[in-house]
Amino acid sequence: MAQVISIVTAVHAPAAHFLADAHASLCEQELPAGWEWEWVVQEDGRTEEVRAVLPDDPRVSFEQGRAGRAAMARTMALSRVTGCYLRVLDADDLLTPGALARDIEALEADSSLGWTTARVLDLLPDGSTVGFDSDPPEGAIERGAILAHWRTHEYRAQVHPATLAARTDLVRALGGWMALPASEDTGLLLALSAVSRGYFSADTGLLYRKWPGQVTGHADHSEAVERAARMAVVEARAEALAALGWQFSNGSEAHRPL
């Protein structure tokens, strides 16, 4: 029986027209022998727009639910994830060739790793791409390093949470994505880093689409009072996990050392 990596996508109606491109980027993936992917799509809301554009592909699982923003949609999608690993893919983003294979190979090669991330390029409306000059070197990222960097760099991690892949059981043990109006992916990344080592691939793993309807581009996303509250609860969760001493072990569980 093939092993599975589950691609988790939350989508709301305004971004539905990007799903065909996301699916095409999935179909271009070449996985290691004995592996396959499934695409777990969860609509944030109940409309006809999303269902109408989903591809006719048996690897696609789709459900709808009450609108509650991306965090709730992703966490609800966990009920249908069957893979031992999961990978986030926003509806408007694109995986690059080889991205899933690199995630699988890193996690399979080192059982002490709980998660992986990769280099990301912004995909601009004119089709050009823009990279960053602050990526960490290729290799393992030690437990707690994400929080330490995030605190001292204006609440920006050195890796992008939109490229996150992780062991499914570990994500479930941490409760999935934080119940926040935004930054829920950063919250999960910091929680994972608090309990486990991770990995950064210097190969580009994602094209992060910039477009006028992007949720993170809205003024509400950077409103000072809400942003401060989001950052405070994200930090507090990561600190609490670290203080409790929970550590990922043996590639399958989080535990508290005796």
Protein backbone atom coordinates (compact mmCIF):
# COMPACT_ATOMS: atom_id res chain seq x y z
CA MET A 1 0.00 0.00 0.00
CA ALA A 2 1.30 3.45 -0.92
CA GLN A 3 2.17 5.97 1.74
CA VAL A 4 0.37 9.30 1.56
CA ILE A 5 1.25 12.97 1.97
CA SER A 6 -1.87 15.07 2.45
CA ILE A 7 -2.05 18.54 0.94
CA VAL A 8 -4.33 20.76 3.05
CA THR A 9 -5.97 23.74 1.37
CA ALA A 10 -8.40 26.21 2.89
CA VAL A 11 -10.27 28.27 0.29
CA HIS A 12 -12.93 30.95 0.22
CA ALA A 13 -14.95 31.94 -2.82
CA PRO A 14 -12.86 34.95 -3.97
CA ALA A 15 -9.80 32.69 -4.42
CA ALA A 16 -11.63 29.78 -6.06
CA HIS A 17 -10.44 30.68 -9.55
CA PHE A 18 -6.84 29.95 -8.49
CA LEU A 19 -7.56 26.31 -7.60
CA ALA A 20 -6.93 25.03 -11.13
CA ASP A 21 -3.39 26.38 -11.03
CA ALA A 22 -2.82 24.89 -7.57
CA HIS A 23 -4.04 21.52 -8.79
CA ALA A 24 -1.78 21.71 -11.85
CA SER A 25 1.21 22.32 -9.58
CA LEU A 26 0.23 19.22 -7.61
CA CYS A 27 -0.07 17.09 -10.72
CA GLU A 28 3.47 18.08 -11.72
CA GLN A 29 4.93 16.63 -8.51
CA GLU A 30 7.09 13.51 -8.81
CA LEU A 31 7.07 11.61 -5.53
CA PRO A 32 9.48 8.97 -4.22
CA ALA A 33 8.59 5.38 -5.07
CA GLY A 34 5.69 4.08 -2.99
CA TRP A 35 4.23 7.51 -2.26
CA GLU A 36 1.12 9.34 -3.46
CA TRP A 37 -0.65 12.56 -2.56
CA GLU A 38 -4.19 13.49 -1.64
CA TRP A 39 -5.62 17.00 -1.79
CA VAL A 40 -7.86 17.87 1.16
CA VAL A 41 -9.77 21.03 0.24
CA GLN A 42 -11.98 22.75 2.82
CA GLU A 43 -14.14 25.72 1.87
CA ASP A 44 -14.42 28.49 4.44
CA GLY A 45 -18.15 28.90 3.91
CA ARG A 46 -20.83 27.29 1.79
CA THR A 47 -21.04 28.59 -1.76
CA GLU A 48 -21.25 27.13 -5.24
CA GLU A 49 -18.15 28.91 -6.53
CA VAL A 50 -15.57 26.54 -5.08
CA ARG A 51 -17.28 23.24 -5.88
CA ALA A 52 -17.83 24.38 -9.47
CA VAL A 53 -14.13 24.75 -10.21
CA LEU A 54 -12.72 21.71 -8.43
CA PRO A 55 -11.05 19.22 -10.78
CA ASP A 56 -12.54 15.79 -11.42
CA ASP A 57 -9.77 13.93 -9.64
CA PRO A 58 -10.26 11.01 -7.23
CA ARG A 59 -7.33 12.30 -5.16
CA VAL A 60 -9.35 15.41 -4.22
CA SER A 61 -11.47 15.47 -1.07
CA PHE A 62 -13.80 18.44 -0.64
CA GLU A 63 -16.05 19.66 2.16
CA GLN A 64 -17.69 22.92 3.16
CA GLY A 65 -18.52 24.45 6.53
CA ARG A 66 -19.47 27.54 8.43
CA ALA A 67 -17.25 30.51 7.62
CA GLY A 68 -14.61 31.02 10.28
CA ARG A 69 -11.48 32.01 8.36
CA ALA A 70 -8.57 29.85 7.28
CA ALA A 71 -7.63 28.54 10.72
CA MET A 72 -10.97 26.83 11.26
CA ALA A 73 -11.13 25.52 7.69
CA ARG A 74 -7.67 23.94 7.91
CA THR A 75 -8.36 22.38 11.29
CA MET A 76 -11.68 20.98 10.06
CA ALA A 77 -9.80 19.51 7.10
CA LEU A 78 -7.70 17.47 9.56
CA SER A 79 -10.72 15.19 10.00
CA ARG A 80 -10.16 13.92 6.44
CA VAL A 81 -6.37 13.78 6.34
CA THR A 82 -5.14 10.20 5.90
CA GLY A 83 -1.44 10.82 5.25
CA CYS A 84 1.35 10.41 7.78
CA TYR A 85 2.62 13.80 6.59
CA LEU A 86 0.68 16.90 5.65
CA ARG A 87 1.66 19.91 3.58
CA VAL A 88 -0.02 23.31 3.58
CA LEU A 89 -0.95 24.81 0.22
CA ASP A 90 -2.90 28.05 0.14
CA ALA A 91 -5.50 28.12 -2.63
CA ASP A 92 -3.73 30.95 -4.48
CA ASP A 93 -0.19 29.54 -4.25
CA LEU A 94 1.78 27.08 -6.38
CA LEU A 95 4.10 24.24 -5.46
CA THR A 96 7.35 24.11 -7.38
CA PRO A 97 8.53 20.88 -9.04
CA GLY A 98 10.06 18.50 -6.50
CA ALA A 99 8.67 20.32 -3.45
CA LEU A 100 6.76 17.36 -2.01
CA ALA A 101 9.57 14.90 -2.71
CA ARG A 102 12.00 17.09 -0.78
CA ASP A 103 9.60 17.31 2.18
CA ILE A 104 9.15 13.53 2.24
CA GLU A 105 12.84 12.79 1.86
CA ALA A 106 13.82 15.14 4.71
CA LEU A 107 11.26 13.70 7.14
CA GLU A 108 11.99 10.11 6.15
CA ALA A 109 15.75 10.57 6.50
CA ASP A 110 15.70 11.96 10.06
CA SER A 111 13.10 10.76 12.56
CA SER A 112 14.01 13.61 14.94
CA LEU A 113 12.50 16.15 12.55
CA GLY A 114 8.89 17.11 13.11
CA TRP A 115 8.47 19.56 10.24
CA THR A 116 10.04 21.08 7.16
CA THR A 117 9.94 24.41 5.34
CA ALA A 118 11.43 25.67 2.09
CA ARG A 119 12.53 28.77 0.24
CA VAL A 120 9.67 30.84 -1.14
CA LEU A 121 9.38 33.33 -3.97
CA ASP A 122 6.70 35.99 -4.25
CA LEU A 123 4.80 35.59 -7.53
CA LEU A 124 3.80 39.05 -8.74
CA PRO A 125 0.79 39.84 -10.98
CA ASP A 126 3.06 40.34 -14.00
CA GLY A 127 4.46 36.82 -13.61
CA SER A 128 7.84 37.88 -12.23
CA THR A 129 9.17 36.54 -8.95
CA VAL A 130 10.96 38.14 -6.02
CA GLY A 131 13.04 36.29 -3.45
CA PHE A 132 14.46 37.13 -0.06
CA ASP A 133 18.00 37.64 1.18
CA SER A 134 17.52 36.36 4.74
CA ASP A 135 16.86 32.64 4.23
CA PRO A 136 18.67 30.36 6.68
CA PRO A 137 21.19 27.84 5.33
CA GLU A 138 19.98 24.46 4.12
CA GLY A 139 19.66 21.99 6.98
CA ALA A 140 18.18 21.33 10.38
CA ILE A 141 16.66 24.09 12.51
CA GLU A 142 17.03 23.38 16.19
CA ARG A 143 14.12 23.34 18.59
CA GLY A 144 13.20 26.85 19.73
CA ALA A 145 15.21 28.66 17.05
CA ILE A 146 12.13 29.97 15.23
CA LEU A 147 10.77 31.71 18.33
CA ALA A 148 14.14 33.23 19.18
CA HIS A 149 14.48 34.72 15.69
CA TRP A 150 10.82 35.79 15.51
CA ARG A 151 11.07 37.80 18.74
CA THR A 152 14.06 39.81 17.53
CA HIS A 153 12.91 40.42 13.94
CA GLU A 154 9.60 42.26 14.31
CA TYR A 155 7.57 39.05 14.59
CA ARG A 156 8.87 37.61 11.34
CA ALA A 157 10.18 34.07 11.22
CA GLN A 158 13.25 33.16 9.21
CA VAL A 159 11.18 30.59 7.29
CA HIS A 160 7.75 30.98 5.67
CA PRO A 161 4.81 29.14 7.28
CA ALA A 162 3.08 28.82 3.89
CA THR A 163 5.73 26.22 2.98
CA LEU A 164 5.15 24.09 6.07
CA ALA A 165 5.06 20.29 5.93
CA ALA A 166 4.81 18.28 9.14
CA ARG A 167 4.07 14.93 10.70
CA THR A 168 0.29 14.69 10.87
CA ASP A 169 0.15 13.19 14.35
CA LEU A 170 2.26 16.04 15.70
CA VAL A 171 -0.01 18.68 14.16
CA ARG A 172 -3.02 16.93 15.69
CA ALA A 173 -1.31 16.72 19.08
CA LEU A 174 -0.79 20.49 18.98
CA GLY A 175 -4.45 21.12 18.15
CA GLY A 176 -3.99 22.11 14.53
CA TRP A 177 -4.06 25.75 13.55
CA MET A 178 -4.63 28.44 16.14
CA ALA A 179 -8.13 29.94 16.36
CA LEU A 180 -7.02 33.36 15.16
CA PRO A 181 -8.32 35.69 12.42
CA ALA A 182 -4.83 35.60 10.87
CA SER A 183 -1.29 34.39 11.69
CA GLU A 184 -2.67 30.94 12.47
CA ASP A 185 0.03 29.38 10.30
CA THR A 186 2.75 31.27 12.16
CA GLY A 187 1.22 30.06 15.41
CA LEU A 188 1.46 26.45 14.29
CA LEU A 189 5.01 26.92 13.02
CA LEU A 190 6.17 28.34 16.36
CA ALA A 191 4.37 25.60 18.29
CA LEU A 192 6.04 22.92 16.16
CA SER A 193 9.41 24.57 16.66
CA ALA A 194 8.84 24.65 20.43
CA VAL A 195 8.57 20.86 20.59
CA SER A 196 10.68 19.58 17.70
CA ARG A 197 13.56 20.15 15.33
CA GLY A 198 12.73 21.16 11.79
CA TYR A 199 14.38 21.45 8.40
CA PHE A 200 14.83 24.17 5.79
CA SER A 201 15.29 23.37 2.12
CA ALA A 202 17.17 26.04 0.16
CA ASP A 203 15.45 24.87 -3.03
CA THR A 204 12.39 26.97 -3.83
CA GLY A 205 9.32 25.05 -2.67
CA LEU A 206 6.53 27.57 -3.22
CA LEU A 207 5.43 30.48 -5.37
CA TYR A 208 3.53 32.81 -3.04
CA ARG A 209 1.02 34.67 -5.17
CA LYS A 210 0.53 38.40 -4.62
CA TRP A 211 -2.84 39.70 -5.83
CA PRO A 212 -5.30 42.47 -4.90
CA GLY A 213 -7.78 40.17 -3.15
CA GLN A 214 -5.16 38.58 -0.91
CA VAL A 215 -6.33 38.40 2.72
CA THR A 216 -2.90 39.34 4.08
CA GLY A 217 -2.97 42.44 1.91
CA HIS A 218 -6.05 43.91 3.58
CA ALA A 219 -5.65 46.78 6.02
CA ASP A 220 -7.26 44.70 8.79
CA HIS A 221 -4.33 42.30 8.69
CA SER A 222 -1.91 44.95 9.99
CA GLU A 223 -4.29 46.83 12.32
CA ALA A 224 -2.16 47.49 15.39
CA VAL A 225 -4.38 46.34 18.26
CA GLU A 226 -5.43 43.07 16.65
CA ARG A 227 -1.92 42.32 15.40
CA ALA A 228 -0.46 42.85 18.88
CA ALA A 229 -3.03 40.47 20.34
CA ARG A 230 -2.29 37.83 17.70
CA MET A 231 1.43 38.04 18.29
CA ALA A 232 0.95 37.87 22.06
CA VAL A 233 -1.07 34.66 21.97
CA VAL A 234 1.22 33.06 19.37
CA GLU A 235 4.23 33.81 21.56
CA ALA A 236 2.52 32.67 24.76
CA ARG A 237 1.58 29.31 23.25
CA ALA A 238 5.13 28.63 22.06
CA GLU A 239 6.57 29.72 25.41
CA ALA A 240 4.15 27.51 27.34
CA LEU A 241 4.99 24.47 25.22
CA ALA A 242 8.70 25.06 25.69
CA ALA A 243 8.32 25.58 29.45
CA LEU A 244 6.32 22.38 29.87
CA GLY A 245 9.17 20.44 28.32
CA TRP A 246 7.16 18.59 25.68
CA GLN A 247 9.44 17.19 23.00
CA PHE A 248 8.77 15.33 19.80
CA SER A 249 10.31 11.87 19.86
CA ASN A 250 10.67 8.82 17.60
CA GLY A 251 8.90 10.47 14.67
CA SER A 252 5.45 9.79 16.07
CA GLU A 253 4.62 11.56 19.29
CA ALA A 254 5.05 14.53 21.56
CA HIS A 255 5.85 13.69 25.16
CA ARG A 256 7.01 15.23 28.39
CA PRO A 257 10.33 13.88 29.66
CA LEU A 258 10.25 12.28 33.09
